[in-house]
Amino acid sequence: MITIDVFSDPICPWCYIGKKRLEEALAARPDVPVSIRWRTFQLNPDMPNEGMDRQAYLSAKFGGPDRAADVYGHIRKVGDQVGIDFQFDAIPRTPSTLKAHRLIRLTQRDHPDASEPLVQAMFKAYFLDGRDIGDIDELVSLAVEAGLKGDPVRTYLEGNEDLDEVKAEDAFARRLGIGGVPCFIVEGKYALSGAQEPEAFLPVLDMAVQEKSADISESPSEPGSPGAAS
């Protein structure tokens, strides 16, 4: 099993694009078993818990609507290439993603089969439907869509469980030198930064598979196992 750690934020459009391109790469290597771990990175670690008006956010981040329009126009074109119909104008608020990251963490720990559908649902909800994924009601709804039970998720999100761990993981990413996302780390060794084309993943995946196979073949045999000295 090849492990890929994906440092990402569910309000990062390049992370959505990067997810699509990773999926294309994995489809080109159908015989490679992969485990994906979604890791915390906040684009806006100082965002208020309640989020902020989208236009105010864009003005603060880009200095005005014209610059924001240029940036998101380019992202929209790239999104079209990978099948994402970004609806940036439908987003009324930019949320804090702490609760979203906590929910991803909970799901990976307790319901791992639902983590991929949940992450996909978050991206779609925010970028295609303009839903506020900082809102507990919206997050509970997305969790239910992914197969989780709503009441335990609501209780979890209304508390602070895993909050310190999520913040610590964000800080850990920055100590690693990650300054932007997505960032893909394969087998804890090989990092690919940015929404790379699918072809960029293939040699890294192949190298990881070769190294893992070599490690297995070089491992000493257990006493009594096939190949052990008698």
C-alpha atoms as a PDB file:
ATOM      1  CA  MET A   1       0.000   0.000   0.000  1.00  0.00           C
ATOM      2  CA  ILE A   2       1.359   3.400  -1.046  1.00  0.00           C
ATOM      3  CA  THR A   3       0.489   6.229   1.333  1.00  0.00           C
ATOM      4  CA  ILE A   4      -0.147   9.718  -0.003  1.00  0.00           C
ATOM      5  CA  ASP A   5      -0.520  12.553   2.493  1.00  0.00           C
ATOM      6  CA  VAL A   6      -2.427  15.443   0.946  1.00  0.00           C
ATOM      7  CA  PHE A   7      -2.089  18.783   2.692  1.00  0.00           C
ATOM      8  CA  SER A   8      -5.141  20.660   1.526  1.00  0.00           C
ATOM      9  CA  ASP A   9      -7.878  23.128   2.412  1.00  0.00           C
ATOM     10  CA  PRO A  10     -11.472  22.584   1.235  1.00  0.00           C
ATOM     11  CA  ILE A  11     -11.778  26.254   0.196  1.00  0.00           C
ATOM     12  CA  CYS A  12      -8.650  26.074  -1.987  1.00  0.00           C
ATOM     13  CA  PRO A  13      -9.609  25.862  -5.680  1.00  0.00           C
ATOM     14  CA  TRP A  14      -6.190  24.530  -6.650  1.00  0.00           C
ATOM     15  CA  CYS A  15      -6.677  21.723  -4.117  1.00  0.00           C
ATOM     16  CA  TYR A  16      -9.881  20.719  -5.908  1.00  0.00           C
ATOM     17  CA  ILE A  17      -8.019  20.762  -9.219  1.00  0.00           C
ATOM     18  CA  GLY A  18      -5.112  18.839  -7.670  1.00  0.00           C
ATOM     19  CA  LYS A  19      -7.497  16.189  -6.362  1.00  0.00           C
ATOM     20  CA  LYS A  20      -8.890  15.699  -9.859  1.00  0.00           C
ATOM     21  CA  ARG A  21      -5.419  15.383 -11.345  1.00  0.00           C
ATOM     22  CA  LEU A  22      -4.318  12.925  -8.675  1.00  0.00           C
ATOM     23  CA  GLU A  23      -7.375  10.816  -9.486  1.00  0.00           C
ATOM     24  CA  GLU A  24      -6.372  10.834 -13.165  1.00  0.00           C
ATOM     25  CA  ALA A  25      -2.872   9.701 -12.242  1.00  0.00           C
ATOM     26  CA  LEU A  26      -4.187   6.888 -10.054  1.00  0.00           C
ATOM     27  CA  ALA A  27      -6.518   5.785 -12.845  1.00  0.00           C
ATOM     28  CA  ALA A  28      -3.397   5.382 -15.009  1.00  0.00           C
ATOM     29  CA  ARG A  29      -1.926   3.074 -12.348  1.00  0.00           C
ATOM     30  CA  PRO A  30      -4.933   0.904 -11.442  1.00  0.00           C
ATOM     31  CA  ASP A  31      -2.751  -1.856  -9.974  1.00  0.00           C
ATOM     32  CA  VAL A  32      -1.136   0.442  -7.403  1.00  0.00           C
ATOM     33  CA  PRO A  33      -2.952   0.254  -4.043  1.00  0.00           C
ATOM     34  CA  VAL A  34      -3.073   3.713  -2.483  1.00  0.00           C
ATOM     35  CA  SER A  35      -4.124   5.083   0.884  1.00  0.00           C
ATOM     36  CA  ILE A  36      -4.859   8.821   0.882  1.00  0.00           C
ATOM     37  CA  ARG A  37      -4.631  10.780   4.116  1.00  0.00           C
ATOM     38  CA  TRP A  38      -6.092  14.274   4.075  1.00  0.00           C
ATOM     39  CA  ARG A  39      -4.005  16.615   6.215  1.00  0.00           C
ATOM     40  CA  THR A  40      -4.762  20.068   7.564  1.00  0.00           C
ATOM     41  CA  PHE A  41      -3.617  23.303   5.989  1.00  0.00           C
ATOM     42  CA  GLN A  42      -5.540  26.539   6.455  1.00  0.00           C
ATOM     43  CA  LEU A  43      -5.324  29.100   3.706  1.00  0.00           C
ATOM     44  CA  ASN A  44      -6.541  31.677   6.196  1.00  0.00           C
ATOM     45  CA  PRO A  45      -5.421  30.675   9.698  1.00  0.00           C
ATOM     46  CA  ASP A  46      -6.485  34.078  11.077  1.00  0.00           C
ATOM     47  CA  MET A  47     -10.006  33.887   9.668  1.00  0.00           C
ATOM     48  CA  PRO A  48     -12.690  34.670  12.295  1.00  0.00           C
ATOM     49  CA  ASN A  49     -14.737  31.641  13.359  1.00  0.00           C
ATOM     50  CA  GLU A  50     -17.811  33.106  11.669  1.00  0.00           C
ATOM     51  CA  GLY A  51     -15.966  33.688   8.389  1.00  0.00           C
ATOM     52  CA  MET A  52     -16.354  36.904   6.443  1.00  0.00           C
ATOM     53  CA  ASP A  53     -18.211  38.409   3.531  1.00  0.00           C
ATOM     54  CA  ARG A  54     -16.773  37.135   0.267  1.00  0.00           C
ATOM     55  CA  GLN A  55     -16.285  40.539  -1.328  1.00  0.00           C
ATOM     56  CA  ALA A  56     -14.577  41.886   1.770  1.00  0.00           C
ATOM     57  CA  TYR A  57     -12.308  38.846   1.746  1.00  0.00           C
ATOM     58  CA  LEU A  58     -11.389  39.283  -1.914  1.00  0.00           C
ATOM     59  CA  SER A  59     -10.640  42.963  -1.412  1.00  0.00           C
ATOM     60  CA  ALA A  60      -8.405  42.192   1.562  1.00  0.00           C
ATOM     61  CA  LYS A  61      -6.616  39.313  -0.176  1.00  0.00           C
ATOM     62  CA  PHE A  62      -6.203  40.696  -3.686  1.00  0.00           C
ATOM     63  CA  GLY A  63      -6.510  44.438  -3.200  1.00  0.00           C
ATOM     64  CA  GLY A  64      -9.680  44.797  -5.243  1.00  0.00           C
ATOM     65  CA  PRO A  65     -12.201  43.053  -7.486  1.00  0.00           C
ATOM     66  CA  ASP A  66     -10.239  43.479 -10.717  1.00  0.00           C
ATOM     67  CA  ARG A  67      -7.215  41.555  -9.485  1.00  0.00           C
ATOM     68  CA  ALA A  68      -9.498  38.893  -7.974  1.00  0.00           C
ATOM     69  CA  ALA A  69     -11.317  38.560 -11.300  1.00  0.00           C
ATOM     70  CA  ASP A  70      -8.019  37.965 -13.108  1.00  0.00           C
ATOM     71  CA  VAL A  71      -6.908  35.293 -10.629  1.00  0.00           C
ATOM     72  CA  TYR A  72     -10.189  33.434 -10.554  1.00  0.00           C
ATOM     73  CA  GLY A  73     -10.661  33.751 -14.300  1.00  0.00           C
ATOM     74  CA  HIS A  74      -7.473  31.759 -14.791  1.00  0.00           C
ATOM     75  CA  ILE A  75      -8.518  29.186 -12.192  1.00  0.00           C
ATOM     76  CA  ARG A  76     -11.901  28.822 -13.881  1.00  0.00           C
ATOM     77  CA  LYS A  77     -10.193  28.032 -17.207  1.00  0.00           C
ATOM     78  CA  VAL A  78      -8.023  25.348 -15.596  1.00  0.00           C
ATOM     79  CA  GLY A  79     -11.085  23.983 -13.820  1.00  0.00           C
ATOM     80  CA  ASP A  80     -12.858  23.594 -17.144  1.00  0.00           C
ATOM     81  CA  GLN A  81      -9.966  21.432 -18.337  1.00  0.00           C
ATOM     82  CA  VAL A  82     -10.463  18.926 -15.494  1.00  0.00           C
ATOM     83  CA  GLY A  83     -14.252  19.011 -15.424  1.00  0.00           C
ATOM     84  CA  ILE A  84     -14.850  21.464 -12.568  1.00  0.00           C
ATOM     85  CA  ASP A  85     -17.413  24.180 -13.296  1.00  0.00           C
ATOM     86  CA  PHE A  86     -16.310  26.686 -10.659  1.00  0.00           C
ATOM     87  CA  GLN A  87     -19.103  29.005  -9.545  1.00  0.00           C
ATOM     88  CA  PHE A  88     -17.110  31.623  -7.675  1.00  0.00           C
ATOM     89  CA  ASP A  89     -19.869  34.220  -7.981  1.00  0.00           C
ATOM     90  CA  ALA A  90     -22.218  31.930  -6.046  1.00  0.00           C
ATOM     91  CA  ILE A  91     -20.035  32.017  -2.904  1.00  0.00           C
ATOM     92  CA  PRO A  92     -21.456  34.574  -0.420  1.00  0.00           C
ATOM     93  CA  ARG A  93     -18.999  34.017   2.436  1.00  0.00           C
ATOM     94  CA  THR A  94     -15.452  32.783   2.915  1.00  0.00           C
ATOM     95  CA  PRO A  95     -15.525  30.510   5.958  1.00  0.00           C
ATOM     96  CA  SER A  96     -13.087  29.458   8.594  1.00  0.00           C
ATOM     97  CA  THR A  97     -12.232  25.864   7.759  1.00  0.00           C
ATOM     98  CA  LEU A  98     -11.366  24.674  11.265  1.00  0.00           C
ATOM     99  CA  LYS A  99     -14.663  22.815  11.664  1.00  0.00           C
ATOM    100  CA  ALA A 100     -14.346  21.326   8.179  1.00  0.00           C
ATOM    101  CA  HIS A 101     -10.845  20.058   8.964  1.00  0.00           C
ATOM    102  CA  ARG A 102     -12.045  18.623  12.277  1.00  0.00           C
ATOM    103  CA  LEU A 103     -14.834  16.782  10.466  1.00  0.00           C
ATOM    104  CA  ILE A 104     -12.379  15.363   7.936  1.00  0.00           C
ATOM    105  CA  ARG A 105     -10.172  14.213  10.812  1.00  0.00           C
ATOM    106  CA  LEU A 106     -13.092  12.566  12.617  1.00  0.00           C
ATOM    107  CA  THR A 107     -14.220  10.817   9.446  1.00  0.00           C
ATOM    108  CA  GLN A 108     -10.780   9.468   8.576  1.00  0.00           C
ATOM    109  CA  ARG A 109     -10.389   8.112  12.102  1.00  0.00           C
ATOM    110  CA  ASP A 110     -13.821   6.610  12.693  1.00  0.00           C
ATOM    111  CA  HIS A 111     -15.312   6.174   9.202  1.00  0.00           C
ATOM    112  CA  PRO A 112     -12.361   5.908   6.795  1.00  0.00           C
ATOM    113  CA  ASP A 113     -14.459   4.689   3.869  1.00  0.00           C
ATOM    114  CA  ALA A 114     -16.450   7.921   4.035  1.00  0.00           C
ATOM    115  CA  SER A 115     -13.495  10.308   4.058  1.00  0.00           C
ATOM    116  CA  GLU A 116     -13.084  10.503   0.284  1.00  0.00           C
ATOM    117  CA  PRO A 117     -16.818  11.103  -0.360  1.00  0.00           C
ATOM    118  CA  LEU A 118     -16.832  13.740   2.380  1.00  0.00           C
ATOM    119  CA  VAL A 119     -13.871  15.673   0.972  1.00  0.00           C
ATOM    120  CA  GLN A 120     -15.391  15.534  -2.496  1.00  0.00           C
ATOM    121  CA  ALA A 121     -18.732  16.727  -1.114  1.00  0.00           C
ATOM    122  CA  MET A 122     -17.057  19.664   0.632  1.00  0.00           C
ATOM    123  CA  PHE A 123     -15.319  20.817  -2.540  1.00  0.00           C
ATOM    124  CA  LYS A 124     -18.527  20.517  -4.547  1.00  0.00           C
ATOM    125  CA  ALA A 125     -20.650  22.226  -1.900  1.00  0.00           C
ATOM    126  CA  TYR A 126     -18.360  25.224  -1.673  1.00  0.00           C
ATOM    127  CA  PHE A 127     -17.195  25.729  -5.250  1.00  0.00           C
ATOM    128  CA  LEU A 128     -20.234  24.592  -7.221  1.00  0.00           C
ATOM    129  CA  ASP A 129     -23.150  25.282  -4.868  1.00  0.00           C
ATOM    130  CA  GLY A 130     -21.869  28.223  -2.830  1.00  0.00           C
ATOM    131  CA  ARG A 131     -22.645  26.561   0.498  1.00  0.00           C
ATOM    132  CA  ASP A 132     -21.030  27.824   3.699  1.00  0.00           C
ATOM    133  CA  ILE A 133     -18.859  24.914   4.805  1.00  0.00           C
ATOM    134  CA  GLY A 134     -17.989  26.742   7.997  1.00  0.00           C
ATOM    135  CA  ASP A 135     -21.600  26.370   9.153  1.00  0.00           C
ATOM    136  CA  ILE A 136     -22.378  23.403  11.404  1.00  0.00           C
ATOM    137  CA  ASP A 137     -25.747  22.695   9.760  1.00  0.00           C
ATOM    138  CA  GLU A 138     -24.114  22.529   6.336  1.00  0.00           C
ATOM    139  CA  LEU A 139     -21.307  20.288   7.601  1.00  0.00           C
ATOM    140  CA  VAL A 140     -23.761  17.914   9.272  1.00  0.00           C
ATOM    141  CA  SER A 141     -25.704  17.727   6.016  1.00  0.00           C
ATOM    142  CA  LEU A 142     -22.528  16.919   4.072  1.00  0.00           C
ATOM    143  CA  ALA A 143     -21.550  14.282   6.637  1.00  0.00           C
ATOM    144  CA  VAL A 144     -24.935  12.606   6.275  1.00  0.00           C
ATOM    145  CA  GLU A 145     -24.548  12.660   2.483  1.00  0.00           C
ATOM    146  CA  ALA A 146     -21.227  10.844   2.966  1.00  0.00           C
ATOM    147  CA  GLY A 147     -22.884   8.155   5.085  1.00  0.00           C
ATOM    148  CA  LEU A 148     -22.341   9.383   8.656  1.00  0.00           C
ATOM    149  CA  LYS A 149     -25.033   9.794  11.297  1.00  0.00           C
ATOM    150  CA  GLY A 150     -25.981  13.407  11.810  1.00  0.00           C
ATOM    151  CA  ASP A 151     -26.506  13.662  15.570  1.00  0.00           C
ATOM    152  CA  PRO A 152     -23.043  12.420  16.632  1.00  0.00           C
ATOM    153  CA  VAL A 153     -21.442  14.685  14.042  1.00  0.00           C
ATOM    154  CA  ARG A 154     -23.357  17.699  15.334  1.00  0.00           C
ATOM    155  CA  THR A 155     -22.345  16.943  18.924  1.00  0.00           C
ATOM    156  CA  TYR A 156     -18.729  16.630  17.816  1.00  0.00           C
ATOM    157  CA  LEU A 157     -18.726  19.883  15.848  1.00  0.00           C
ATOM    158  CA  GLU A 158     -20.436  21.827  18.627  1.00  0.00           C
ATOM    159  CA  GLY A 159     -17.576  20.871  20.954  1.00  0.00           C
ATOM    160  CA  ASN A 160     -13.821  21.331  20.630  1.00  0.00           C
ATOM    161  CA  GLU A 161     -12.618  17.751  20.213  1.00  0.00           C
ATOM    162  CA  ASP A 162      -9.606  17.539  17.866  1.00  0.00           C
ATOM    163  CA  LEU A 163      -9.352  21.337  17.628  1.00  0.00           C
ATOM    164  CA  ASP A 164      -5.869  21.443  19.122  1.00  0.00           C
ATOM    165  CA  GLU A 165      -4.769  18.520  16.951  1.00  0.00           C
ATOM    166  CA  VAL A 166      -6.006  20.225  13.785  1.00  0.00           C
ATOM    167  CA  LYS A 167      -4.205  23.444  14.671  1.00  0.00           C
ATOM    168  CA  ALA A 168      -1.060  21.480  15.484  1.00  0.00           C
ATOM    169  CA  GLU A 169      -1.167  19.717  12.120  1.00  0.00           C
ATOM    170  CA  ASP A 170      -1.484  23.068  10.357  1.00  0.00           C
ATOM    171  CA  ALA A 171       1.544  24.321  12.286  1.00  0.00           C
ATOM    172  CA  PHE A 172       3.417  21.096  11.448  1.00  0.00           C
ATOM    173  CA  ALA A 173       2.795  21.658   7.737  1.00  0.00           C
ATOM    174  CA  ARG A 174       4.313  25.110   7.964  1.00  0.00           C
ATOM    175  CA  ARG A 175       7.342  23.750   9.840  1.00  0.00           C
ATOM    176  CA  LEU A 176       7.810  21.321   6.963  1.00  0.00           C
ATOM    177  CA  GLY A 177       8.098  24.352   4.702  1.00  0.00           C
ATOM    178  CA  ILE A 178       4.681  23.986   3.113  1.00  0.00           C
ATOM    179  CA  GLY A 179       3.599  27.491   2.230  1.00  0.00           C
ATOM    180  CA  GLY A 180       0.812  26.683  -0.184  1.00  0.00           C
ATOM    181  CA  VAL A 181      -1.449  23.822  -1.125  1.00  0.00           C
ATOM    182  CA  PRO A 182      -2.101  21.294  -2.423  1.00  0.00           C
ATOM    183  CA  CYS A 183       1.033  19.480  -1.369  1.00  0.00           C
ATOM    184  CA  PHE A 184       1.264  15.742  -1.946  1.00  0.00           C
ATOM    185  CA  ILE A 185       3.775  13.686   0.039  1.00  0.00           C
ATOM    186  CA  VAL A 186       4.221  10.125  -1.194  1.00  0.00           C
ATOM    187  CA  GLU A 187       5.423   7.518   1.298  1.00  0.00           C
ATOM    188  CA  GLY A 188       6.697  10.275   3.568  1.00  0.00           C
ATOM    189  CA  LYS A 189       9.588  10.906   1.136  1.00  0.00           C
ATOM    190  CA  TYR A 190       8.578  12.557  -2.104  1.00  0.00           C
ATOM    191  CA  ALA A 191       6.754  15.878  -2.210  1.00  0.00           C
ATOM    192  CA  LEU A 192       4.829  17.293  -5.133  1.00  0.00           C
ATOM    193  CA  SER A 193       3.719  20.866  -4.575  1.00  0.00           C
ATOM    194  CA  GLY A 194       0.837  22.451  -6.422  1.00  0.00           C
ATOM    195  CA  ALA A 195      -1.896  21.123  -8.680  1.00  0.00           C
ATOM    196  CA  GLN A 196       0.504  19.114 -10.818  1.00  0.00           C
ATOM    197  CA  GLU A 197      -0.487  17.552 -14.108  1.00  0.00           C
ATOM    198  CA  PRO A 198      -1.358  13.834 -13.795  1.00  0.00           C
ATOM    199  CA  GLU A 199       1.874  12.881 -15.564  1.00  0.00           C
ATOM    200  CA  ALA A 200       3.919  14.424 -12.760  1.00  0.00           C
ATOM    201  CA  PHE A 201       2.606  11.866 -10.270  1.00  0.00           C
ATOM    202  CA  LEU A 202       3.433   8.781 -12.310  1.00  0.00           C
ATOM    203  CA  PRO A 203       7.233   8.572 -11.892  1.00  0.00           C
ATOM    204  CA  VAL A 204       6.871   9.247  -8.162  1.00  0.00           C
ATOM    205  CA  LEU A 205       4.268   6.504  -7.797  1.00  0.00           C
ATOM    206  CA  ASP A 206       6.431   4.110  -9.808  1.00  0.00           C
ATOM    207  CA  MET A 207       9.474   4.891  -7.680  1.00  0.00           C
ATOM    208  CA  ALA A 208       7.519   4.358  -4.467  1.00  0.00           C
ATOM    209  CA  VAL A 209       6.248   0.999  -5.717  1.00  0.00           C
ATOM    210  CA  GLN A 210       9.743  -0.115  -6.735  1.00  0.00           C
ATOM    211  CA  GLU A 211      11.232   0.895  -3.390  1.00  0.00           C
ATOM    212  CA  LYS A 212       8.471  -0.845  -1.447  1.00  0.00           C
ATOM    213  CA  SER A 213       8.934  -4.006  -3.505  1.00  0.00           C
ATOM    214  CA  ALA A 214      12.684  -3.879  -2.902  1.00  0.00           C
ATOM    215  CA  ASP A 215      12.164  -3.423   0.836  1.00  0.00           C
ATOM    216  CA  ILE A 216       9.911  -6.459   0.950  1.00  0.00           C
ATOM    217  CA  SER A 217      12.301  -8.630  -1.055  1.00  0.00           C
ATOM    218  CA  GLU A 218      15.252  -7.609   1.124  1.00  0.00           C
ATOM    219  CA  SER A 219      13.464  -8.163   4.426  1.00  0.00           C
ATOM    220  CA  PRO A 220      14.965 -11.056   6.422  1.00  0.00           C
ATOM    221  CA  SER A 221      12.770 -14.116   6.529  1.00  0.00           C
ATOM    222  CA  GLU A 222      11.141 -15.064   9.799  1.00  0.00           C
ATOM    223  CA  PRO A 223      12.251 -18.395  11.284  1.00  0.00           C
ATOM    224  CA  GLY A 224      10.104 -21.153   9.915  1.00  0.00           C
ATOM    225  CA  SER A 225       8.807 -19.074   7.022  1.00  0.00           C
ATOM    226  CA  PRO A 226       9.340 -20.012   3.372  1.00  0.00           C
ATOM    227  CA  GLY A 227      12.886 -19.140   2.397  1.00  0.00           C
ATOM    228  CA  ALA A 228      14.219 -19.152   5.964  1.00  0.00           C
ATOM    229  CA  ALA A 229      17.424 -21.048   6.624  1.00  0.00           C
ATOM    230  CA  SER A 230      16.820 -24.391   8.308  1.00  0.00           C
END
